[in-house]
N, C-alpha and C. Protein backbone atom coordinates (compact mmCIF):
# COMPACT_ATOMS: atom_id res chain seq x y z
N MET A 1 222.16 145.30 -71.98
CA MET A 1 221.57 144.76 -73.18
C MET A 1 222.64 144.18 -74.11
N GLY A 2 223.86 144.61 -73.95
CA GLY A 2 224.91 144.13 -74.82
C GLY A 2 225.14 142.64 -74.69
N SER A 3 225.02 142.13 -73.48
CA SER A 3 225.24 140.70 -73.30
C SER A 3 224.10 139.88 -73.88
N ALA A 4 222.88 140.44 -73.87
CA ALA A 4 221.75 139.70 -74.45
C ALA A 4 221.92 139.58 -75.96
N THR A 5 222.39 140.65 -76.59
CA THR A 5 222.59 140.61 -78.03
C THR A 5 223.70 139.64 -78.39
N SER A 6 224.79 139.67 -77.64
CA SER A 6 225.90 138.77 -77.95
C SER A 6 225.51 137.31 -77.69
N SER A 7 224.70 137.06 -76.67
CA SER A 7 224.29 135.68 -76.40
C SER A 7 223.34 135.19 -77.49
N ARG A 8 222.49 136.09 -78.02
CA ARG A 8 221.61 135.69 -79.12
C ARG A 8 222.40 135.41 -80.38
N SER A 9 223.39 136.25 -80.68
CA SER A 9 224.20 136.00 -81.87
C SER A 9 225.02 134.73 -81.70
N ARG A 10 225.49 134.50 -80.50
CA ARG A 10 226.25 133.27 -80.24
C ARG A 10 225.34 132.06 -80.38
N ALA A 11 224.11 132.16 -79.86
CA ALA A 11 223.16 131.05 -79.98
C ALA A 11 222.81 130.81 -81.45
N SER A 12 222.65 131.88 -82.21
CA SER A 12 222.36 131.72 -83.64
C SER A 12 223.53 131.04 -84.35
N TRP A 13 224.74 131.47 -84.02
CA TRP A 13 225.91 130.89 -84.65
C TRP A 13 226.02 129.41 -84.29
N LEU A 14 225.78 129.06 -83.03
CA LEU A 14 225.85 127.66 -82.62
C LEU A 14 224.75 126.83 -83.28
N ALA A 15 223.55 127.43 -83.46
CA ALA A 15 222.47 126.71 -84.14
C ALA A 15 222.84 126.44 -85.60
N LEU A 16 223.43 127.42 -86.26
CA LEU A 16 223.87 127.21 -87.65
C LEU A 16 224.97 126.16 -87.74
N LEU A 17 225.89 126.19 -86.81
CA LEU A 17 226.96 125.20 -86.79
C LEU A 17 226.39 123.80 -86.55
N SER A 18 225.43 123.69 -85.65
CA SER A 18 224.80 122.39 -85.39
C SER A 18 224.05 121.89 -86.61
N ALA A 19 223.32 122.79 -87.29
CA ALA A 19 222.59 122.39 -88.50
C ALA A 19 223.56 121.94 -89.59
N PHE A 20 224.67 122.64 -89.73
CA PHE A 20 225.67 122.25 -90.72
C PHE A 20 226.25 120.88 -90.39
N THR A 21 226.58 120.66 -89.13
CA THR A 21 227.14 119.38 -88.71
C THR A 21 226.14 118.24 -88.95
N ALA A 22 224.88 118.48 -88.62
CA ALA A 22 223.86 117.46 -88.86
C ALA A 22 223.70 117.19 -90.35
N GLY A 23 223.75 118.24 -91.17
CA GLY A 23 223.65 118.07 -92.62
C GLY A 23 224.81 117.26 -93.18
N VAL A 24 226.00 117.54 -92.71
CA VAL A 24 227.17 116.78 -93.17
C VAL A 24 227.04 115.32 -92.76
N GLY A 25 226.61 115.09 -91.53
CA GLY A 25 226.44 113.71 -91.06
C GLY A 25 225.38 112.97 -91.85
N LEU A 26 224.25 113.63 -92.12
CA LEU A 26 223.19 112.99 -92.90
C LEU A 26 223.64 112.75 -94.34
N GLY A 27 224.40 113.68 -94.89
CA GLY A 27 224.93 113.48 -96.24
C GLY A 27 225.85 112.28 -96.31
N PHE A 28 226.70 112.12 -95.30
CA PHE A 28 227.60 110.97 -95.25
C PHE A 28 226.81 109.67 -95.16
N LEU A 29 225.79 109.66 -94.27
CA LEU A 29 224.98 108.45 -94.13
C LEU A 29 224.21 108.14 -95.42
N ALA A 30 223.70 109.16 -96.07
CA ALA A 30 222.99 108.95 -97.32
C ALA A 30 223.91 108.39 -98.39
N HIS A 31 225.14 108.84 -98.40
CA HIS A 31 226.10 108.32 -99.38
C HIS A 31 226.43 106.85 -99.08
N GLU A 32 226.61 106.53 -97.81
CA GLU A 32 226.97 105.17 -97.43
C GLU A 32 225.83 104.17 -97.63
N TYR A 33 224.58 104.61 -97.40
CA TYR A 33 223.43 103.72 -97.46
C TYR A 33 222.48 104.08 -98.60
N ARG A 34 223.06 104.38 -99.75
CA ARG A 34 222.29 104.81 -100.91
C ARG A 34 221.27 103.76 -101.34
N GLU A 35 221.65 102.51 -101.38
CA GLU A 35 220.75 101.44 -101.83
C GLU A 35 219.55 101.29 -100.90
N VAL A 36 219.79 101.40 -99.60
CA VAL A 36 218.71 101.27 -98.62
C VAL A 36 217.72 102.43 -98.77
N ILE A 37 218.24 103.62 -99.00
CA ILE A 37 217.37 104.79 -99.15
C ILE A 37 216.51 104.67 -100.40
N VAL A 38 217.10 104.23 -101.49
CA VAL A 38 216.35 104.09 -102.74
C VAL A 38 215.30 102.99 -102.62
N ALA A 39 215.58 101.95 -101.84
CA ALA A 39 214.66 100.83 -101.70
C ALA A 39 213.48 101.15 -100.79
N ASN A 40 213.59 102.14 -99.91
CA ASN A 40 212.54 102.44 -98.93
C ASN A 40 212.14 103.92 -98.96
N PRO A 41 211.58 104.42 -100.04
CA PRO A 41 211.26 105.85 -100.10
C PRO A 41 210.09 106.24 -99.18
N GLY A 42 209.16 105.32 -98.92
CA GLY A 42 208.03 105.64 -98.05
C GLY A 42 208.46 105.92 -96.62
N ILE A 43 209.34 105.09 -96.11
CA ILE A 43 209.83 105.27 -94.74
C ILE A 43 210.65 106.55 -94.64
N ILE A 44 211.43 106.84 -95.67
CA ILE A 44 212.22 108.07 -95.67
C ILE A 44 211.29 109.28 -95.67
N GLY A 45 210.22 109.23 -96.46
CA GLY A 45 209.25 110.33 -96.50
C GLY A 45 208.58 110.54 -95.16
N LEU A 46 208.17 109.44 -94.52
CA LEU A 46 207.55 109.55 -93.19
C LEU A 46 208.54 110.10 -92.15
N THR A 47 209.77 109.68 -92.25
CA THR A 47 210.79 110.18 -91.33
C THR A 47 210.99 111.68 -91.51
N LEU A 48 211.05 112.12 -92.75
CA LEU A 48 211.19 113.55 -93.01
C LEU A 48 209.99 114.33 -92.49
N LEU A 49 208.81 113.77 -92.66
CA LEU A 49 207.60 114.41 -92.15
C LEU A 49 207.66 114.56 -90.64
N VAL A 50 208.08 113.50 -89.95
CA VAL A 50 208.19 113.55 -88.49
C VAL A 50 209.25 114.57 -88.06
N VAL A 51 210.37 114.63 -88.76
CA VAL A 51 211.43 115.58 -88.41
C VAL A 51 210.94 117.01 -88.59
N PHE A 52 210.26 117.30 -89.70
CA PHE A 52 209.76 118.65 -89.91
C PHE A 52 208.68 119.01 -88.90
N ALA A 53 207.82 118.05 -88.55
CA ALA A 53 206.79 118.30 -87.54
C ALA A 53 207.43 118.58 -86.18
N ALA A 54 208.46 117.83 -85.84
CA ALA A 54 209.15 118.06 -84.56
C ALA A 54 209.81 119.44 -84.56
N GLY A 55 210.41 119.82 -85.66
CA GLY A 55 211.00 121.16 -85.75
C GLY A 55 209.97 122.25 -85.59
N TYR A 56 208.81 122.06 -86.20
CA TYR A 56 207.73 123.05 -86.08
C TYR A 56 207.23 123.14 -84.64
N LEU A 57 207.09 121.99 -83.97
CA LEU A 57 206.65 121.99 -82.58
C LEU A 57 207.68 122.66 -81.67
N ILE A 58 208.94 122.43 -81.94
CA ILE A 58 209.99 123.08 -81.15
C ILE A 58 209.93 124.59 -81.36
N ARG A 59 209.70 125.01 -82.60
CA ARG A 59 209.58 126.44 -82.90
C ARG A 59 208.41 127.06 -82.14
N LEU A 60 207.26 126.37 -82.14
CA LEU A 60 206.10 126.87 -81.40
C LEU A 60 206.39 126.95 -79.91
N ALA A 61 207.08 125.97 -79.37
CA ALA A 61 207.40 125.97 -77.94
C ALA A 61 208.33 127.12 -77.59
N VAL A 62 209.31 127.38 -78.44
CA VAL A 62 210.24 128.48 -78.18
C VAL A 62 209.50 129.81 -78.22
N ARG A 63 208.63 129.99 -79.20
CA ARG A 63 207.86 131.24 -79.28
C ARG A 63 206.98 131.42 -78.05
N ALA A 64 206.32 130.34 -77.60
CA ALA A 64 205.47 130.43 -76.42
C ALA A 64 206.28 130.77 -75.17
N LEU A 65 207.45 130.17 -75.04
CA LEU A 65 208.30 130.47 -73.88
C LEU A 65 208.81 131.90 -73.91
N ARG A 66 209.15 132.40 -75.10
CA ARG A 66 209.60 133.79 -75.20
C ARG A 66 208.47 134.75 -74.84
N ARG A 67 207.25 134.45 -75.32
CA ARG A 67 206.11 135.31 -74.99
C ARG A 67 205.85 135.29 -73.48
N ALA A 68 205.92 134.12 -72.89
CA ALA A 68 205.70 134.01 -71.44
C ALA A 68 206.79 134.77 -70.68
N GLY A 69 208.02 134.66 -71.15
CA GLY A 69 209.12 135.37 -70.50
C GLY A 69 208.95 136.88 -70.58
N SER A 70 208.49 137.38 -71.73
CA SER A 70 208.29 138.82 -71.84
C SER A 70 207.14 139.28 -70.95
N ARG A 71 206.12 138.44 -70.79
CA ARG A 71 205.01 138.79 -69.89
C ARG A 71 205.48 138.85 -68.44
N VAL A 72 206.32 137.89 -68.06
CA VAL A 72 206.86 137.88 -66.71
C VAL A 72 207.73 139.11 -66.49
N ASP A 73 208.54 139.47 -67.47
CA ASP A 73 209.37 140.67 -67.36
C ASP A 73 208.51 141.92 -67.20
N THR A 74 207.41 142.00 -67.94
CA THR A 74 206.51 143.15 -67.84
C THR A 74 205.88 143.22 -66.45
N ILE A 75 205.43 142.09 -65.95
CA ILE A 75 204.82 142.06 -64.61
C ILE A 75 205.83 142.46 -63.55
N LEU A 76 207.04 141.94 -63.64
CA LEU A 76 208.07 142.29 -62.65
C LEU A 76 208.41 143.77 -62.72
N ALA A 77 208.50 144.32 -63.93
CA ALA A 77 208.81 145.75 -64.07
C ALA A 77 207.71 146.60 -63.46
N GLU A 78 206.45 146.22 -63.66
CA GLU A 78 205.34 146.97 -63.07
C GLU A 78 205.36 146.88 -61.56
N GLU A 79 205.64 145.71 -61.03
CA GLU A 79 205.66 145.54 -59.58
C GLU A 79 206.83 146.30 -58.95
N LEU A 80 207.95 146.33 -59.61
CA LEU A 80 209.10 147.05 -59.05
C LEU A 80 208.88 148.55 -59.08
N GLU A 81 208.11 149.05 -60.03
CA GLU A 81 207.81 150.48 -60.08
C GLU A 81 206.89 150.88 -58.93
N LYS A 82 206.01 149.98 -58.51
CA LYS A 82 205.06 150.28 -57.44
C LYS A 82 205.69 150.25 -56.06
N LYS A 83 206.84 149.65 -55.95
CA LYS A 83 207.50 149.49 -54.67
C LYS A 83 208.00 150.85 -54.15
N PRO A 84 207.77 151.14 -52.89
CA PRO A 84 208.28 152.42 -52.35
C PRO A 84 209.80 152.39 -52.25
N SER A 85 210.37 153.56 -52.35
CA SER A 85 211.81 153.68 -52.25
C SER A 85 212.28 153.33 -50.83
N PRO A 86 213.40 152.63 -50.70
CA PRO A 86 213.87 152.26 -49.36
C PRO A 86 214.40 153.48 -48.58
N ARG A 87 214.77 154.55 -49.29
CA ARG A 87 215.28 155.74 -48.62
C ARG A 87 214.13 156.72 -48.37
N PRO A 88 214.08 157.32 -47.21
CA PRO A 88 213.03 158.33 -46.97
C PRO A 88 213.30 159.57 -47.79
N ARG A 89 212.22 160.21 -48.22
CA ARG A 89 212.37 161.44 -49.02
C ARG A 89 212.17 162.64 -48.20
C-alpha cells in the first residue's frame, strides 16, 4: 500500500505543478493580449464555460473509472478467496 500512497501524492503534486504552469502561461498570454481580451468578453466567457465543463466531465470520468476499478478489485478478491489451495491439506 505504500507505493499506492506515494504514487497518489506524486500524481497530486504533478497535477498542482501542471495547474501552476498553465496558470502562469495563461497569465502571460493575458498580459500580452490585453486589448484583444477586453474587446471580446463574450468569446472569453464562452471559452471559460467550455473549459470548466471539460474539467467537470474529466472529473466525472475519473470518478467513474475509480468506482469501476474498485468493483473489479472486489470481484477479483472474492474469486481468489473461492479458489482451492494448490497444496493438499
